[in-house]
Amino acid sequence: MTALANWRQGAPVAATGVGTNSGVTVSIASVANTAIVVTQISGSGDAAAIVTLETPASTVIWRKRFAAAFTFSESFPPGAYSSANGASIQVKISASTSNCEANISGYLAS
């Protein structure tokens, strides 16, 4: 997570993905010298799963476990979760779901 004191809100960014029988990973690609601030993630799945927000890949900064089929939406205050400068950020739904969908949105900070 990057401290965002004195940073300005830039262009909005968002990504959506769907998965079948192996979960899903939805990424917002890195931008040189720019952090990505996440303001919202959402999704659904037809079975128990773990949902994570990661930056860089495999470094978990937020996690939630669902014990059965689920639908979720999480909104975050600006600056609560962000990538380091030049790093991507992604939301993942674990492979335990057969049909799932995930969304991530936010903005570039400079």
Protein backbone atom coordinates (compact mmCIF):
# COMPACT_ATOMS: atom_id res chain seq x y z
CA MET A 1 0.00 0.00 0.00
CA THR A 2 1.31 3.43 -0.93
CA ALA A 3 0.92 6.58 1.14
CA LEU A 4 -1.08 9.00 -0.96
CA ALA A 5 -0.48 12.31 0.79
CA ASN A 6 -0.39 15.16 -1.72
CA TRP A 7 -1.35 12.92 -4.66
CA ARG A 8 -3.86 13.96 -7.29
CA GLN A 9 -6.71 11.88 -8.67
CA GLY A 10 -6.15 11.02 -12.31
CA ALA A 11 -7.89 8.98 -14.98
CA PRO A 12 -10.46 6.39 -13.90
CA VAL A 13 -9.53 2.73 -14.44
CA ALA A 14 -11.62 -0.46 -14.31
CA ALA A 15 -11.53 -4.10 -15.35
CA THR A 16 -14.00 -7.01 -15.39
CA GLY A 17 -13.53 -10.74 -15.87
CA VAL A 18 -15.38 -14.03 -15.69
CA GLY A 19 -14.18 -17.50 -14.82
CA THR A 20 -15.37 -21.06 -15.20
CA ASN A 21 -14.07 -23.90 -12.99
CA SER A 22 -10.76 -22.21 -12.14
CA GLY A 23 -11.68 -18.92 -10.47
CA VAL A 24 -10.77 -15.58 -12.00
CA THR A 25 -8.06 -12.93 -11.78
CA VAL A 26 -8.87 -9.40 -12.93
CA SER A 27 -5.98 -6.95 -13.18
CA ILE A 28 -5.43 -3.28 -13.78
CA ALA A 29 -2.09 -3.05 -15.56
CA SER A 30 0.76 -1.02 -14.16
CA VAL A 31 1.53 2.48 -15.37
CA ALA A 32 5.08 3.86 -15.06
CA ASN A 33 5.57 6.24 -12.11
CA THR A 34 1.90 6.03 -11.19
CA ALA A 35 -0.01 4.28 -8.41
CA ILE A 36 -3.42 2.70 -8.90
CA VAL A 37 -5.95 3.57 -6.18
CA VAL A 38 -8.75 1.01 -5.77
CA THR A 39 -12.12 2.43 -4.78
CA GLN A 40 -14.39 -0.58 -5.41
CA ILE A 41 -14.32 -4.34 -6.00
CA SER A 42 -17.29 -6.64 -6.56
CA GLY A 43 -18.14 -10.07 -7.81
CA SER A 44 -19.99 -13.32 -7.39
CA GLY A 45 -19.39 -17.06 -7.33
CA ASP A 46 -21.40 -20.25 -7.17
CA ALA A 47 -19.43 -21.91 -4.35
CA ALA A 48 -17.26 -21.18 -1.33
CA ALA A 49 -14.20 -19.10 -2.23
CA ILE A 50 -11.53 -16.72 -1.03
CA VAL A 51 -11.43 -13.27 -2.63
CA THR A 52 -8.20 -11.27 -2.44
CA LEU A 53 -6.90 -7.90 -3.55
CA GLU A 54 -3.21 -8.18 -4.43
CA THR A 55 -0.35 -5.89 -5.40
CA PRO A 56 2.03 -6.92 -6.69
CA ALA A 57 0.69 -10.34 -7.68
CA SER A 58 0.58 -12.75 -4.71
CA THR A 59 1.01 -10.00 -2.08
CA VAL A 60 -2.40 -9.92 -0.41
CA ILE A 61 -3.53 -6.50 0.89
CA TRP A 62 -7.23 -7.39 1.43
CA ARG A 63 -8.96 -10.77 1.86
CA LYS A 64 -12.46 -12.11 2.43
CA ARG A 65 -13.66 -15.72 2.74
CA PHE A 66 -17.09 -16.93 1.63
CA ALA A 67 -18.45 -20.23 2.98
CA ALA A 68 -21.01 -20.74 0.20
CA ALA A 69 -22.28 -19.16 -3.03
CA PHE A 70 -21.84 -15.40 -2.78
CA THR A 71 -22.31 -11.94 -4.20
CA PHE A 72 -20.29 -9.07 -2.79
CA SER A 73 -19.45 -5.42 -3.29
CA GLU A 74 -16.82 -3.54 -1.28
CA SER A 75 -16.16 0.18 -1.50
CA PHE A 76 -12.98 1.68 -0.07
CA PRO A 77 -12.18 5.25 0.91
CA PRO A 78 -9.65 6.91 -1.43
CA GLY A 79 -6.14 5.83 -0.50
CA ALA A 80 -7.12 2.84 1.64
CA TYR A 81 -5.80 0.34 -0.94
CA SER A 82 -3.37 1.20 -3.71
CA SER A 83 -0.45 -0.19 -5.65
CA ALA A 84 3.11 1.06 -5.45
CA ASN A 85 4.23 3.36 -8.24
CA GLY A 86 4.48 1.35 -11.45
CA ALA A 87 2.85 -1.82 -10.02
CA SER A 88 -0.31 -3.58 -11.17
CA ILE A 89 -3.18 -4.45 -8.83
CA GLN A 90 -5.64 -7.33 -9.10
CA VAL A 91 -8.68 -8.94 -7.53
CA LYS A 92 -8.76 -12.77 -7.45
CA ILE A 93 -11.51 -15.28 -6.77
CA SER A 94 -10.10 -18.69 -5.83
CA ALA A 95 -10.36 -21.74 -8.08
CA SER A 96 -13.05 -23.41 -5.96
CA THR A 97 -15.82 -21.72 -7.95
CA SER A 98 -17.25 -23.11 -11.20
CA ASN A 99 -18.77 -19.85 -12.40
CA CYS A 100 -17.61 -16.51 -11.09
CA GLU A 101 -17.23 -12.86 -12.02
CA ALA A 102 -15.08 -10.05 -10.59
CA ASN A 103 -14.79 -6.31 -11.09
CA ILE A 104 -12.22 -3.76 -9.90
CA SER A 105 -12.29 0.01 -10.31
CA GLY A 106 -10.42 3.04 -9.13
CA TYR A 107 -8.17 5.74 -10.53
CA LEU A 108 -4.58 6.54 -11.37
CA ALA A 109 -2.81 8.72 -8.82
CA SER A 110 0.02 11.03 -9.72
